[in-house]
C-alpha cells in the first residue's frame, strides 16, 4: 500500500474556507451591529464558545496524534477518534473549532464557514478516502440504519433516566 498524504483534501477545503472566514471576521469587526448576535447574548455565547474551542482543540490534538501514528505505519486507523467518525479532523474543525470561534467573537456570519467548508469537503473527500481503503475490502461498511436505531435507543434510555421521557 502506498503512503497516505498527511494533508489529504485539507488544502482544497482551506483554499475556500479560510478567505471566507477572514472576510467574515473583518466584517464582524467593521460592522458589529449587523453581524453580531447582540450585546445581550455576549456572555453566555462567550462561555459556550470557550467550551467549544477547548473541546475542539483537545479533540483536534488527539486526532492528529492518531493520524500521525497511522500514517507512519501505513495502516487504516480504526481506533480512537476514528472509531467514532471517518474524518474526525475535519469534523472537529467544522463542528467545534469554527463554531466556537463564532461564539467567542459573537458573530453569526462566521457560522456560515462550516457550511462552506462542508460543501468543499463533500466535493473532495472521495479522492482522499479511495486510496486509504485499498487493501481493506474485507471491512464492512457501517449500517447507518442500525447505528441510528442504537443511538435513538440510547438517547431514549438517557431521557427516561433523567425524567424527560416516559
N, C-alpha and C. Protein backbone atom coordinates (compact mmCIF):
# COMPACT_ATOMS: atom_id res chain seq x y z
N UNK A 1 0.85 -1.18 0.00
CA UNK A 1 0.00 0.00 0.00
C UNK A 1 0.89 1.24 0.00
N UNK A 2 0.52 2.24 -0.78
CA UNK A 2 1.32 3.46 -0.84
C UNK A 2 1.06 4.34 0.38
N UNK A 3 2.06 5.15 0.72
CA UNK A 3 1.93 6.07 1.85
C UNK A 3 0.80 7.05 1.61
N UNK A 4 0.01 7.31 2.64
CA UNK A 4 -1.09 8.25 2.54
C UNK A 4 -0.56 9.67 2.74
N UNK A 5 -1.20 10.63 2.11
CA UNK A 5 -0.83 12.03 2.22
C UNK A 5 -1.34 12.59 3.54
N UNK A 6 -0.48 13.25 4.30
CA UNK A 6 -0.87 13.80 5.59
C UNK A 6 -1.92 14.89 5.46
N UNK A 7 -1.80 15.74 4.45
CA UNK A 7 -2.72 16.87 4.32
C UNK A 7 -4.07 16.49 3.73
N UNK A 8 -4.13 15.42 2.96
CA UNK A 8 -5.39 14.99 2.37
C UNK A 8 -6.03 16.09 1.54
N UNK A 9 -7.34 16.26 1.69
CA UNK A 9 -8.04 17.30 0.93
C UNK A 9 -8.15 18.59 1.74
N UNK A 10 -7.48 18.67 2.88
CA UNK A 10 -7.49 19.86 3.72
C UNK A 10 -7.14 21.15 3.01
N UNK A 11 -6.06 21.18 2.20
CA UNK A 11 -5.73 22.42 1.49
C UNK A 11 -6.82 22.87 0.51
N UNK A 12 -7.52 21.92 -0.09
CA UNK A 12 -8.60 22.28 -1.02
C UNK A 12 -9.78 22.89 -0.26
N UNK A 13 -10.04 22.38 0.92
CA UNK A 13 -11.10 22.95 1.76
C UNK A 13 -10.68 24.33 2.25
N UNK A 14 -9.44 24.42 2.73
CA UNK A 14 -8.94 25.68 3.29
C UNK A 14 -8.85 26.78 2.25
N UNK A 15 -8.59 26.42 1.01
CA UNK A 15 -8.47 27.42 -0.07
C UNK A 15 -9.75 28.25 -0.21
N UNK A 16 -10.88 27.67 0.14
CA UNK A 16 -12.16 28.38 0.05
C UNK A 16 -12.59 28.89 1.44
N UNK A 17 -12.44 28.06 2.46
CA UNK A 17 -12.97 28.39 3.79
C UNK A 17 -12.18 29.50 4.49
N UNK A 18 -10.86 29.49 4.41
CA UNK A 18 -10.07 30.48 5.13
C UNK A 18 -10.29 31.90 4.62
N UNK A 19 -10.32 32.15 3.30
CA UNK A 19 -10.64 33.52 2.87
C UNK A 19 -12.03 33.97 3.32
N UNK A 20 -13.01 33.06 3.26
CA UNK A 20 -14.36 33.42 3.71
C UNK A 20 -14.35 33.74 5.20
N UNK A 21 -13.66 32.90 6.00
CA UNK A 21 -13.57 33.13 7.44
C UNK A 21 -12.91 34.47 7.74
N UNK A 22 -11.85 34.79 7.00
CA UNK A 22 -11.14 36.06 7.19
C UNK A 22 -12.07 37.24 6.90
N UNK A 23 -12.78 37.19 5.79
CA UNK A 23 -13.72 38.26 5.44
C UNK A 23 -14.83 38.35 6.49
N UNK A 24 -15.32 37.22 6.97
CA UNK A 24 -16.37 37.21 7.99
C UNK A 24 -15.89 37.88 9.28
N UNK A 25 -14.65 37.60 9.69
CA UNK A 25 -14.11 38.21 10.90
C UNK A 25 -13.96 39.72 10.71
N UNK A 26 -13.43 40.14 9.56
CA UNK A 26 -13.27 41.57 9.28
C UNK A 26 -14.62 42.27 9.26
N UNK A 27 -15.63 41.67 8.61
CA UNK A 27 -16.96 42.26 8.58
C UNK A 27 -17.56 42.39 9.98
N UNK A 28 -17.31 41.40 10.83
CA UNK A 28 -17.81 41.46 12.20
C UNK A 28 -17.16 42.59 12.98
N UNK A 29 -15.87 42.81 12.75
CA UNK A 29 -15.16 43.89 13.45
C UNK A 29 -15.60 45.25 12.92
N UNK A 30 -15.74 45.38 11.60
CA UNK A 30 -16.07 46.67 10.99
C UNK A 30 -17.56 47.02 11.19
N UNK A 31 -18.45 46.04 11.07
CA UNK A 31 -19.89 46.27 11.20
C UNK A 31 -20.49 45.39 12.31
N UNK A 32 -20.14 45.64 13.56
CA UNK A 32 -20.62 44.76 14.64
C UNK A 32 -22.14 44.78 14.81
N UNK A 33 -22.78 45.88 14.47
CA UNK A 33 -24.23 45.96 14.62
C UNK A 33 -24.98 45.03 13.69
N UNK A 34 -24.37 44.69 12.57
CA UNK A 34 -25.03 43.84 11.58
C UNK A 34 -24.72 42.37 11.80
N UNK A 35 -23.47 42.07 12.14
CA UNK A 35 -23.01 40.68 12.12
C UNK A 35 -22.86 40.02 13.49
N UNK A 36 -23.24 40.70 14.57
CA UNK A 36 -23.15 40.06 15.88
C UNK A 36 -24.52 39.54 16.32
N UNK A 37 -24.51 38.65 17.30
CA UNK A 37 -25.75 38.11 17.85
C UNK A 37 -26.45 39.15 18.73
N UNK A 38 -25.72 40.14 19.18
CA UNK A 38 -26.28 41.19 20.02
C UNK A 38 -25.59 41.23 21.37
N UNK A 39 -25.65 42.38 22.06
CA UNK A 39 -24.94 42.54 23.33
C UNK A 39 -25.53 41.71 24.47
N UNK A 40 -26.83 41.41 24.42
CA UNK A 40 -27.47 40.66 25.50
C UNK A 40 -26.91 39.25 25.59
N UNK A 41 -26.61 38.66 24.47
CA UNK A 41 -26.15 37.26 24.42
C UNK A 41 -24.64 37.12 24.55
N UNK A 42 -23.91 38.20 24.72
CA UNK A 42 -22.45 38.15 24.66
C UNK A 42 -21.82 37.20 25.69
N UNK A 43 -22.17 37.29 26.95
CA UNK A 43 -21.53 36.46 27.98
C UNK A 43 -21.89 34.97 27.87
N UNK A 44 -23.16 34.61 27.69
CA UNK A 44 -23.46 33.18 27.53
C UNK A 44 -22.79 32.59 26.29
N UNK A 45 -22.75 33.36 25.20
CA UNK A 45 -22.11 32.88 23.98
C UNK A 45 -20.60 32.76 24.16
N UNK A 46 -20.01 33.68 24.91
CA UNK A 46 -18.57 33.62 25.17
C UNK A 46 -18.24 32.35 25.95
N UNK A 47 -19.03 32.05 26.98
CA UNK A 47 -18.79 30.84 27.78
C UNK A 47 -18.95 29.58 26.93
N UNK A 48 -20.00 29.53 26.14
CA UNK A 48 -20.22 28.36 25.27
C UNK A 48 -19.12 28.25 24.22
N UNK A 49 -18.70 29.40 23.69
CA UNK A 49 -17.63 29.40 22.68
C UNK A 49 -16.31 28.91 23.23
N UNK A 50 -15.98 29.34 24.45
CA UNK A 50 -14.73 28.89 25.08
C UNK A 50 -14.78 27.38 25.30
N UNK A 51 -15.93 26.88 25.74
CA UNK A 51 -16.10 25.44 25.95
C UNK A 51 -15.95 24.67 24.63
N UNK A 52 -16.58 25.17 23.57
CA UNK A 52 -16.45 24.52 22.25
C UNK A 52 -15.01 24.56 21.74
N UNK A 53 -14.37 25.72 21.88
CA UNK A 53 -12.98 25.83 21.42
C UNK A 53 -12.05 24.90 22.19
N UNK A 54 -12.20 24.86 23.52
CA UNK A 54 -11.35 23.98 24.33
C UNK A 54 -11.55 22.52 23.95
N UNK A 55 -12.81 22.12 23.82
CA UNK A 55 -13.11 20.75 23.41
C UNK A 55 -12.56 20.46 22.02
N UNK A 56 -12.72 21.43 21.11
CA UNK A 56 -12.24 21.25 19.74
C UNK A 56 -10.74 21.13 19.64
N UNK A 57 -10.02 21.97 20.38
CA UNK A 57 -8.55 21.93 20.32
C UNK A 57 -8.03 20.62 20.90
N UNK A 58 -8.62 20.16 22.00
CA UNK A 58 -8.19 18.88 22.59
C UNK A 58 -8.51 17.73 21.63
N UNK A 59 -9.70 17.73 21.07
CA UNK A 59 -10.10 16.70 20.11
C UNK A 59 -9.20 16.72 18.88
N UNK A 60 -8.88 17.92 18.40
CA UNK A 60 -8.00 18.05 17.24
C UNK A 60 -6.62 17.47 17.55
N UNK A 61 -6.07 17.78 18.72
CA UNK A 61 -4.74 17.29 19.08
C UNK A 61 -4.72 15.76 19.19
N UNK A 62 -5.74 15.19 19.80
CA UNK A 62 -5.82 13.73 19.91
C UNK A 62 -5.92 13.10 18.53
N UNK A 63 -6.74 13.69 17.66
CA UNK A 63 -6.92 13.16 16.31
C UNK A 63 -5.62 13.23 15.52
N UNK A 64 -4.90 14.33 15.62
CA UNK A 64 -3.63 14.46 14.90
C UNK A 64 -2.64 13.40 15.38
N UNK A 65 -2.63 13.12 16.68
CA UNK A 65 -1.74 12.09 17.21
C UNK A 65 -2.05 10.73 16.59
N UNK A 66 -3.32 10.36 16.57
CA UNK A 66 -3.71 9.09 15.96
C UNK A 66 -3.40 9.07 14.47
N UNK A 67 -3.63 10.19 13.81
CA UNK A 67 -3.38 10.28 12.37
C UNK A 67 -1.89 10.09 12.07
N UNK A 68 -1.03 10.73 12.83
CA UNK A 68 0.41 10.58 12.61
C UNK A 68 0.87 9.15 12.85
N UNK A 69 0.35 8.52 13.88
CA UNK A 69 0.72 7.12 14.14
C UNK A 69 0.26 6.21 13.00
N UNK A 70 -0.93 6.44 12.49
CA UNK A 70 -1.45 5.63 11.38
C UNK A 70 -0.70 5.86 10.08
N UNK A 71 -0.33 7.10 9.81
CA UNK A 71 0.41 7.39 8.58
C UNK A 71 1.81 6.80 8.61
N UNK A 72 2.43 6.82 9.78
CA UNK A 72 3.77 6.23 9.89
C UNK A 72 3.75 4.73 9.62
N UNK A 73 2.70 4.07 10.08
CA UNK A 73 2.64 2.61 9.91
C UNK A 73 1.89 2.20 8.65
N UNK A 74 1.42 3.16 7.86
CA UNK A 74 0.68 2.91 6.63
C UNK A 74 -0.45 1.92 6.86
N UNK A 75 -1.29 2.24 7.82
CA UNK A 75 -2.44 1.37 8.11
C UNK A 75 -3.69 2.23 8.27
N UNK A 76 -4.82 1.61 8.04
CA UNK A 76 -6.10 2.28 8.22
C UNK A 76 -6.34 2.43 9.72
N UNK A 77 -6.64 3.62 10.14
CA UNK A 77 -6.87 3.89 11.56
C UNK A 77 -8.34 3.65 11.87
N UNK A 78 -8.60 2.76 12.81
CA UNK A 78 -9.99 2.44 13.16
C UNK A 78 -10.24 2.56 14.66
N UNK A 79 -9.30 3.11 15.40
CA UNK A 79 -9.49 3.26 16.84
C UNK A 79 -9.40 4.75 17.22
N UNK A 80 -9.62 5.04 18.49
CA UNK A 80 -9.59 6.42 18.94
C UNK A 80 -10.72 7.21 18.30
N UNK A 81 -10.45 8.46 17.90
CA UNK A 81 -11.49 9.27 17.28
C UNK A 81 -11.99 8.69 15.96
N UNK A 82 -11.16 7.91 15.30
CA UNK A 82 -11.54 7.32 14.02
C UNK A 82 -12.55 6.18 14.19
N UNK A 83 -12.72 5.69 15.41
CA UNK A 83 -13.76 4.69 15.67
C UNK A 83 -15.14 5.34 15.73
N UNK A 84 -15.17 6.64 16.00
CA UNK A 84 -16.44 7.38 16.11
C UNK A 84 -16.84 8.07 14.81
N UNK A 85 -15.84 8.44 14.00
CA UNK A 85 -16.10 9.26 12.82
C UNK A 85 -15.01 8.96 11.79
N UNK A 86 -15.38 8.90 10.54
CA UNK A 86 -14.42 8.57 9.50
C UNK A 86 -13.38 9.68 9.29
N UNK A 87 -13.79 10.92 9.44
CA UNK A 87 -12.89 12.06 9.25
C UNK A 87 -12.97 13.01 10.45
N UNK A 88 -12.46 12.58 11.61
CA UNK A 88 -12.62 13.39 12.82
C UNK A 88 -11.86 14.71 12.79
N UNK A 89 -10.80 14.80 12.01
CA UNK A 89 -10.05 16.05 11.93
C UNK A 89 -10.91 17.14 11.30
N UNK A 90 -11.54 16.83 10.19
CA UNK A 90 -12.41 17.80 9.53
C UNK A 90 -13.64 18.08 10.40
N UNK A 91 -14.21 17.03 11.00
CA UNK A 91 -15.40 17.19 11.83
C UNK A 91 -15.11 18.10 13.02
N UNK A 92 -13.94 17.94 13.64
CA UNK A 92 -13.58 18.76 14.79
C UNK A 92 -13.48 20.23 14.40
N UNK A 93 -12.86 20.49 13.28
CA UNK A 93 -12.70 21.89 12.85
C UNK A 93 -14.06 22.48 12.47
N UNK A 94 -14.87 21.73 11.72
CA UNK A 94 -16.15 22.26 11.23
C UNK A 94 -17.24 22.31 12.30
N UNK A 95 -17.21 21.39 13.26
CA UNK A 95 -18.29 21.32 14.24
C UNK A 95 -17.95 21.88 15.62
N UNK A 96 -16.67 22.03 15.93
CA UNK A 96 -16.29 22.53 17.25
C UNK A 96 -15.48 23.82 17.19
N UNK A 97 -14.40 23.83 16.42
CA UNK A 97 -13.48 24.97 16.45
C UNK A 97 -14.09 26.21 15.80
N UNK A 98 -14.57 26.10 14.58
CA UNK A 98 -15.13 27.29 13.91
C UNK A 98 -16.40 27.79 14.61
N UNK A 99 -17.35 26.92 14.99
CA UNK A 99 -18.49 27.44 15.75
C UNK A 99 -18.08 28.06 17.09
N UNK A 100 -17.09 27.47 17.75
CA UNK A 100 -16.58 28.06 18.99
C UNK A 100 -16.01 29.44 18.77
N UNK A 101 -15.26 29.60 17.69
CA UNK A 101 -14.73 30.91 17.33
C UNK A 101 -15.86 31.89 17.06
N UNK A 102 -16.89 31.43 16.39
CA UNK A 102 -18.05 32.27 16.10
C UNK A 102 -18.71 32.77 17.38
N UNK A 103 -18.85 31.90 18.35
CA UNK A 103 -19.48 32.30 19.61
C UNK A 103 -18.58 33.22 20.42
N UNK A 104 -17.29 32.93 20.44
CA UNK A 104 -16.35 33.80 21.17
C UNK A 104 -16.33 35.20 20.57
N UNK A 105 -16.35 35.28 19.25
CA UNK A 105 -16.33 36.59 18.57
C UNK A 105 -17.73 37.19 18.43
N UNK A 106 -18.76 36.48 18.91
CA UNK A 106 -20.14 36.97 18.87
C UNK A 106 -20.53 37.34 17.43
N UNK A 107 -20.34 36.39 16.51
CA UNK A 107 -20.58 36.67 15.09
C UNK A 107 -21.36 35.54 14.43
N UNK A 108 -22.53 35.87 13.90
CA UNK A 108 -23.32 34.85 13.22
C UNK A 108 -22.78 34.53 11.83
N UNK A 109 -22.13 35.47 11.19
CA UNK A 109 -21.65 35.24 9.82
C UNK A 109 -20.52 34.20 9.79
N UNK A 110 -19.76 34.11 10.87
CA UNK A 110 -18.69 33.10 10.94
C UNK A 110 -19.29 31.69 10.93
N UNK A 111 -20.52 31.56 11.43
CA UNK A 111 -21.19 30.25 11.43
C UNK A 111 -21.49 29.72 10.03
N UNK A 112 -21.38 30.56 9.02
CA UNK A 112 -21.58 30.11 7.64
C UNK A 112 -20.35 29.36 7.12
N UNK A 113 -19.19 29.58 7.74
CA UNK A 113 -17.95 28.96 7.28
C UNK A 113 -18.01 27.43 7.29
N UNK A 114 -18.51 26.77 8.36
CA UNK A 114 -18.57 25.30 8.30
C UNK A 114 -19.42 24.77 7.16
N UNK A 115 -20.48 25.47 6.79
CA UNK A 115 -21.31 25.02 5.66
C UNK A 115 -20.53 25.08 4.35
N UNK A 116 -19.78 26.15 4.18
CA UNK A 116 -18.94 26.30 3.00
C UNK A 116 -17.84 25.23 3.00
N UNK A 117 -17.22 25.02 4.16
CA UNK A 117 -16.17 24.01 4.27
C UNK A 117 -16.73 22.61 4.01
N UNK A 118 -17.94 22.35 4.51
CA UNK A 118 -18.55 21.04 4.29
C UNK A 118 -18.84 20.79 2.82
N UNK A 119 -19.26 21.84 2.10
CA UNK A 119 -19.51 21.66 0.66
C UNK A 119 -18.22 21.30 -0.07
N UNK A 120 -17.11 21.90 0.33
CA UNK A 120 -15.82 21.55 -0.28
C UNK A 120 -15.37 20.16 0.16
N UNK A 121 -15.62 19.84 1.40
CA UNK A 121 -15.29 18.51 1.93
C UNK A 121 -15.99 17.43 1.12
N UNK A 122 -17.31 17.59 0.92
CA UNK A 122 -18.07 16.60 0.14
C UNK A 122 -17.56 16.49 -1.29
N UNK A 123 -17.09 17.60 -1.81
CA UNK A 123 -16.60 17.62 -3.19
C UNK A 123 -15.29 16.86 -3.36
N UNK A 124 -14.42 16.91 -2.35
CA UNK A 124 -13.06 16.38 -2.49
C UNK A 124 -12.77 15.12 -1.68
N UNK A 125 -13.62 14.71 -0.76
CA UNK A 125 -13.27 13.63 0.16
C UNK A 125 -13.16 12.26 -0.52
N UNK A 126 -13.87 12.03 -1.59
CA UNK A 126 -13.79 10.71 -2.25
C UNK A 126 -12.38 10.40 -2.72
N UNK A 127 -11.68 11.45 -3.20
CA UNK A 127 -10.31 11.24 -3.67
C UNK A 127 -9.40 10.86 -2.52
N UNK A 128 -9.69 11.37 -1.33
CA UNK A 128 -8.87 11.06 -0.17
C UNK A 128 -9.19 9.68 0.39
N UNK A 129 -10.45 9.31 0.41
CA UNK A 129 -10.85 8.03 1.01
C UNK A 129 -10.55 6.83 0.12
N UNK A 130 -10.55 7.00 -1.19
CA UNK A 130 -10.34 5.86 -2.08
C UNK A 130 -9.00 5.15 -1.85
N UNK A 131 -7.85 5.88 -1.88
CA UNK A 131 -6.59 5.17 -1.67
C UNK A 131 -6.47 4.58 -0.28
N UNK A 132 -7.08 5.21 0.74
CA UNK A 132 -6.93 4.70 2.10
C UNK A 132 -7.70 3.40 2.30
N UNK A 133 -8.69 3.12 1.47
CA UNK A 133 -9.47 1.90 1.63
C UNK A 133 -8.94 0.74 0.79
N UNK A 134 -7.98 0.99 -0.11
CA UNK A 134 -7.39 -0.09 -0.89
C UNK A 134 -6.74 -1.10 0.07
N UNK A 135 -6.98 -2.35 -0.14
CA UNK A 135 -6.40 -3.38 0.70
C UNK A 135 -7.23 -3.65 1.95
N UNK A 136 -8.32 -2.93 2.12
CA UNK A 136 -9.18 -3.13 3.29
C UNK A 136 -10.60 -3.49 2.86
N UNK A 137 -10.72 -4.21 1.76
CA UNK A 137 -12.04 -4.52 1.23
C UNK A 137 -12.82 -5.47 2.13
N UNK A 138 -12.13 -6.14 3.07
CA UNK A 138 -12.83 -7.06 3.95
C UNK A 138 -13.62 -6.32 5.03
N UNK A 139 -13.35 -5.03 5.22
CA UNK A 139 -14.09 -4.27 6.23
C UNK A 139 -15.50 -4.00 5.73
N UNK A 140 -16.46 -4.20 6.60
CA UNK A 140 -17.85 -3.96 6.22
C UNK A 140 -18.18 -2.49 6.42
N UNK A 141 -18.94 -1.91 5.49
CA UNK A 141 -19.37 -0.52 5.70
C UNK A 141 -20.36 -0.45 6.85
N UNK A 142 -20.43 0.69 7.49
CA UNK A 142 -21.33 0.88 8.62
C UNK A 142 -22.77 0.83 8.13
N UNK A 143 -23.59 0.09 8.83
CA UNK A 143 -25.01 0.06 8.55
C UNK A 143 -25.62 1.24 9.30
N UNK A 144 -25.90 2.32 8.57
CA UNK A 144 -26.33 3.56 9.21
C UNK A 144 -27.70 3.42 9.86
N UNK A 145 -28.57 2.58 9.33
CA UNK A 145 -29.87 2.38 9.94
C UNK A 145 -29.70 1.75 11.33
N UNK A 146 -28.86 0.74 11.43
CA UNK A 146 -28.61 0.10 12.71
C UNK A 146 -28.00 1.09 13.70
N UNK A 147 -27.04 1.88 13.24
CA UNK A 147 -26.41 2.86 14.10
C UNK A 147 -27.43 3.88 14.60
N UNK A 148 -28.30 4.34 13.73
CA UNK A 148 -29.33 5.30 14.11
C UNK A 148 -30.27 4.70 15.16
N UNK A 149 -30.67 3.44 14.97
CA UNK A 149 -31.54 2.79 15.94
C UNK A 149 -30.86 2.64 17.29
N UNK A 150 -29.58 2.28 17.29
CA UNK A 150 -28.84 2.13 18.54
C UNK A 150 -28.75 3.48 19.26
N UNK A 151 -28.42 4.54 18.53
CA UNK A 151 -28.30 5.86 19.15
C UNK A 151 -29.64 6.36 19.66
N UNK A 152 -30.71 6.13 18.90
CA UNK A 152 -32.05 6.53 19.35
C UNK A 152 -32.43 5.81 20.63
N UNK A 153 -32.16 4.53 20.67
CA UNK A 153 -32.46 3.74 21.87
C UNK A 153 -31.66 4.25 23.07
N UNK A 154 -30.38 4.57 22.86
CA UNK A 154 -29.52 5.09 23.92
C UNK A 154 -30.07 6.42 24.45
N UNK A 155 -30.46 7.33 23.52
CA UNK A 155 -30.97 8.64 23.95
C UNK A 155 -32.28 8.50 24.70
N UNK A 156 -33.17 7.62 24.24
CA UNK A 156 -34.45 7.43 24.93
C UNK A 156 -34.22 6.90 26.35
N UNK A 157 -33.29 5.96 26.50
CA UNK A 157 -32.98 5.45 27.84
C UNK A 157 -32.41 6.56 28.72
N UNK A 158 -31.55 7.40 28.13
CA UNK A 158 -30.96 8.51 28.89
C UNK A 158 -32.04 9.48 29.32
N UNK A 159 -32.96 9.79 28.41
CA UNK A 159 -34.03 10.74 28.72
C UNK A 159 -34.97 10.17 29.78
N UNK A 160 -35.23 8.87 29.71
CA UNK A 160 -36.08 8.23 30.75
C UNK A 160 -35.40 8.33 32.10
N UNK A 161 -34.11 8.10 32.12
CA UNK A 161 -33.35 8.12 33.37
C UNK A 161 -33.42 9.48 34.06
N UNK A 162 -33.34 10.56 33.27
CA UNK A 162 -33.38 11.90 33.87
C UNK A 162 -34.80 12.47 33.91
N UNK A 163 -35.80 11.71 33.46
CA UNK A 163 -37.18 12.11 33.59
C UNK A 163 -37.75 12.96 32.46
N UNK A 164 -37.06 13.04 31.31
CA UNK A 164 -37.57 13.83 30.20
C UNK A 164 -38.47 13.03 29.27
N UNK A 165 -38.48 11.73 29.40
CA UNK A 165 -39.27 10.86 28.52
C UNK A 165 -39.81 9.72 29.36
N UNK A 166 -41.08 9.38 29.15
CA UNK A 166 -41.69 8.31 29.95
C UNK A 166 -41.70 7.02 29.22
